[in-house]
Amino acid sequence: MYGHQGEMAAHRVVAVSSENNGVGCPTGPKSPIDNKAEKPALSNAKKRSSFSQFMKPEHKRMSRMIGYTLTLGDADAWAGFTTVAMARLTVEERAALAWAALRALDTPEQAEQVAEAVLSFADYPLPTFLNPMDDARWWASFASLKERKAYALAAYEALPLREQMAFRNHISEVEIAA
């Protein structure tokens, strides 16, 4: 059917195959059935490593989530990653992930810049409009501990002595009630 040229091509294939330790050669040490190259695994077939059997389901989902986020790579994807990480990972796991990510940066300065961006401080309190206590509580919810301590001490020191005493009494009452 193929003629002389087809026969020659077949002989070349067998000769080359037999040079590769008999792979693909019917008379070689491996039969064609044993040859994995003749029966390749499907790329979409699920292969489970033994390690994945021990992974928590939420960790498997987070692995996929990081892949999706890196593929999309935009701010919305990273914001979504944050939301999912908060829902699926413990505080300790998120802290370890943040630690590893900061350590993966090239310089300590880069890590510091990222940390500062995440831990953006409240800056100084804004002037109040309606209810100073509501505004102060709102500001304090964004302020760092260092800022809250500094403004609390400065505000306390700026009070007249009589108001300082009243504040100390109030704090003592709150402390006793707790």
Protein backbone atom coordinates (compact mmCIF):
# COMPACT_ATOMS: atom_id res chain seq x y z
CA MET A 1 0.00 0.00 0.00
CA TYR A 2 2.73 2.49 0.94
CA GLY A 3 5.28 1.07 -1.42
CA HIS A 4 9.01 1.08 -1.01
CA GLN A 5 9.22 4.56 0.60
CA GLY A 6 6.70 3.61 3.31
CA GLU A 7 8.71 0.49 4.14
CA MET A 8 11.90 2.49 4.45
CA ALA A 9 10.23 5.03 6.75
CA ALA A 10 8.92 2.20 8.94
CA HIS A 11 12.41 0.68 9.16
CA ARG A 12 13.88 4.06 10.20
CA VAL A 13 11.28 4.45 12.97
CA VAL A 14 12.01 0.94 14.27
CA ALA A 15 15.76 1.53 14.07
CA VAL A 16 15.56 4.82 15.98
CA SER A 17 13.16 3.31 18.49
CA SER A 18 15.38 0.32 19.09
CA GLU A 19 18.29 2.68 19.84
CA ASN A 20 16.20 4.10 22.71
CA ASN A 21 16.41 0.90 24.80
CA GLY A 22 13.78 -0.86 22.76
CA VAL A 23 11.01 1.62 23.47
CA GLY A 24 8.44 1.19 20.73
CA CYS A 25 10.19 -1.86 19.30
CA PRO A 26 8.05 -5.01 19.54
CA THR A 27 11.11 -7.16 20.11
CA GLY A 28 12.72 -4.82 22.68
CA PRO A 29 12.71 -5.35 26.43
CA LYS A 30 9.49 -3.34 26.77
CA SER A 31 6.44 -4.32 24.82
CA PRO A 32 4.29 -1.57 23.23
CA ILE A 33 1.70 -2.02 25.99
CA ASP A 34 4.29 -1.15 28.65
CA ASN A 35 5.43 1.90 26.72
CA LYS A 36 3.87 4.93 28.40
CA ALA A 37 4.79 7.12 25.43
CA GLU A 38 2.33 5.18 23.27
CA LYS A 39 -0.45 5.63 25.82
CA PRO A 40 0.05 9.10 27.32
CA ALA A 41 -1.95 10.13 30.37
CA LEU A 42 -4.66 12.65 29.67
CA SER A 43 -3.67 16.14 30.77
CA ASN A 44 -7.05 16.75 32.38
CA ALA A 45 -6.98 13.54 34.41
CA LYS A 46 -7.01 14.21 38.16
CA LYS A 47 -3.84 13.03 39.79
CA ARG A 48 -3.84 13.08 43.56
CA SER A 49 -0.54 13.22 45.34
CA SER A 50 -0.40 11.52 48.68
CA PHE A 51 0.23 14.90 50.33
CA SER A 52 -3.00 16.44 49.02
CA GLN A 53 -4.98 13.73 50.82
CA PHE A 54 -3.82 15.22 54.12
CA MET A 55 -4.54 18.87 53.25
CA LYS A 56 -7.47 20.58 54.88
CA PRO A 57 -10.22 21.46 52.37
CA GLU A 58 -9.94 25.17 53.23
CA HIS A 59 -6.20 25.04 52.44
CA LYS A 60 -6.90 23.42 49.07
CA ARG A 61 -9.40 26.17 48.30
CA MET A 62 -6.88 28.84 49.34
CA SER A 63 -4.30 27.27 47.03
CA ARG A 64 -6.69 27.65 44.13
CA MET A 65 -7.59 31.17 45.27
CA ILE A 66 -3.96 32.32 45.22
CA GLY A 67 -3.67 30.91 41.70
CA TYR A 68 -6.76 32.80 40.54
CA THR A 69 -5.57 35.99 42.22
CA LEU A 70 -2.09 35.80 40.68
CA THR A 71 -3.62 35.12 37.27
CA LEU A 72 -5.97 38.11 37.45
CA GLY A 73 -3.40 40.24 39.27
CA ASP A 74 -5.53 43.35 39.76
CA ALA A 75 -6.57 45.21 42.92
CA ASP A 76 -10.04 43.65 42.92
CA ALA A 77 -8.57 40.16 42.82
CA TRP A 78 -6.26 40.90 45.76
CA ALA A 79 -9.13 42.46 47.71
CA GLY A 80 -11.11 39.27 47.09
CA PHE A 81 -8.14 37.20 48.23
CA THR A 82 -8.08 39.18 51.47
CA THR A 83 -11.77 38.49 52.06
CA VAL A 84 -11.44 34.77 51.37
CA ALA A 85 -8.26 34.48 53.47
CA MET A 86 -10.06 36.09 56.41
CA ALA A 87 -12.89 33.58 56.05
CA ARG A 88 -10.84 30.43 55.48
CA LEU A 89 -7.58 30.90 57.41
CA THR A 90 -6.90 31.33 61.10
CA VAL A 91 -5.22 34.45 62.46
CA GLU A 92 -2.00 32.45 62.90
CA GLU A 93 -2.11 31.19 59.29
CA ARG A 94 -2.72 34.69 57.94
CA ALA A 95 0.11 36.07 60.08
CA ALA A 96 2.48 33.36 58.82
CA LEU A 97 1.43 34.09 55.23
CA ALA A 98 2.05 37.83 55.74
CA TRP A 99 5.43 37.12 57.36
CA ALA A 100 6.49 34.89 54.48
CA ALA A 101 5.31 37.41 51.86
CA LEU A 102 7.22 40.27 53.52
CA ARG A 103 10.34 38.10 53.82
CA ALA A 104 10.07 37.27 50.11
CA LEU A 105 10.61 40.92 49.13
CA ASP A 106 14.05 41.94 47.92
CA THR A 107 14.95 44.46 50.62
CA PRO A 108 13.86 45.36 54.14
CA GLU A 109 12.91 48.79 52.80
CA GLN A 110 10.38 47.20 50.44
CA ALA A 111 8.90 45.19 53.33
CA GLU A 112 8.68 48.36 55.40
CA GLN A 113 6.92 50.24 52.59
CA VAL A 114 4.36 47.44 52.19
CA ALA A 115 3.79 47.25 55.95
CA GLU A 116 3.34 51.03 56.14
CA ALA A 117 0.82 50.91 53.29
CA VAL A 118 -1.17 48.21 55.07
CA LEU A 119 -0.88 49.82 58.48
CA SER A 120 -1.73 53.31 57.32
CA PHE A 121 -2.31 55.34 60.41
CA ALA A 122 -5.26 57.56 61.14
CA ASP A 123 -3.14 60.72 61.24
CA TYR A 124 -4.51 63.49 63.42
CA PRO A 125 -8.19 63.63 64.41
CA LEU A 126 -10.43 65.80 62.25
CA PRO A 127 -12.48 68.65 63.71
CA THR A 128 -15.81 67.47 65.06
CA PHE A 129 -19.12 68.62 63.66
CA LEU A 130 -22.01 67.15 65.62
CA ASN A 131 -20.97 64.75 68.36
CA PRO A 132 -17.31 64.90 69.43
CA MET A 133 -17.49 61.52 71.22
CA ASP A 134 -18.77 59.72 68.11
CA ASP A 135 -16.08 61.37 65.99
CA ALA A 136 -13.38 60.52 68.55
CA ARG A 137 -14.47 56.88 68.67
CA TRP A 138 -14.55 56.72 64.88
CA TRP A 139 -11.03 58.17 64.67
CA ALA A 140 -9.77 55.81 67.39
CA SER A 141 -11.04 52.81 65.42
CA PHE A 142 -8.52 53.67 62.67
CA ALA A 143 -5.68 54.96 64.81
CA SER A 144 -2.70 52.84 65.76
CA LEU A 145 -2.07 52.03 69.41
CA LYS A 146 0.84 54.46 69.39
CA GLU A 147 -1.41 57.25 68.06
CA ARG A 148 -4.20 56.51 70.56
CA LYS A 149 -1.76 56.58 73.48
CA ALA A 150 -0.13 59.80 72.31
CA TYR A 151 -3.42 61.66 71.73
CA ALA A 152 -4.97 60.30 74.95
CA LEU A 153 -2.02 61.50 77.04
CA ALA A 154 -1.86 64.86 75.26
CA ALA A 155 -5.62 65.37 75.68
CA TYR A 156 -5.44 64.38 79.33
CA GLU A 157 -2.55 66.74 80.00
CA ALA A 158 -4.43 69.56 78.25
CA LEU A 159 -7.41 69.19 80.62
CA PRO A 160 -7.75 71.53 83.60
CA LEU A 161 -6.82 69.85 86.91
CA ARG A 162 -10.45 69.52 87.95
CA GLU A 163 -11.30 67.70 84.67
CA GLN A 164 -8.25 65.45 85.08
CA MET A 165 -9.55 64.38 88.49
CA ALA A 166 -13.03 63.75 87.05
CA PHE A 167 -11.46 61.70 84.24
CA ARG A 168 -9.45 59.61 86.76
CA ASN A 169 -12.63 58.95 88.75
CA HIS A 170 -14.46 57.92 85.58
CA ILE A 171 -11.66 55.54 84.57
CA SER A 172 -11.61 54.02 88.09
CA GLU A 173 -15.37 53.44 87.97
CA VAL A 174 -15.11 51.81 84.53
CA GLU A 175 -12.23 49.64 85.77
CA ILE A 176 -14.21 48.50 88.83
CA ALA A 177 -17.30 47.73 86.72
CA ALA A 178 -15.28 45.60 84.35
